[in-house]
Amino acid sequence: MFVVDTKLRRRQRVPIEVARNMTPGQRLQKAFEMSDAERSRFITWLRKRYPHLADEDIRMLFFRRAMRDSKRKMAIAARM
């Protein structure tokens, strides 16, 4: 028998409903905020992972990894 987790569905539905009630500008602002939060979390992780690196080195490592991930996504999209 297949059981549907209604609590999970409810949690997924709430952000969708909130986004539907936003203007396009508000949705874009929220996307920027989420992007900034993710970048901060990743830089914090890099600092913990490589405590011996200077701030400039952490920034360079961040950008290198971000570019690598971006190139990987573009290569996957090109195959489709």
Foldseek 3Di string as FASTA:
>chain_A
DDDDDVVVVVVVVVVVVVVVPDDPVVVVVVVVVVVVVVLVVVLVVLCVVCVPDDPVVSVVVSVVVVVVVVVVVVVVVVVD
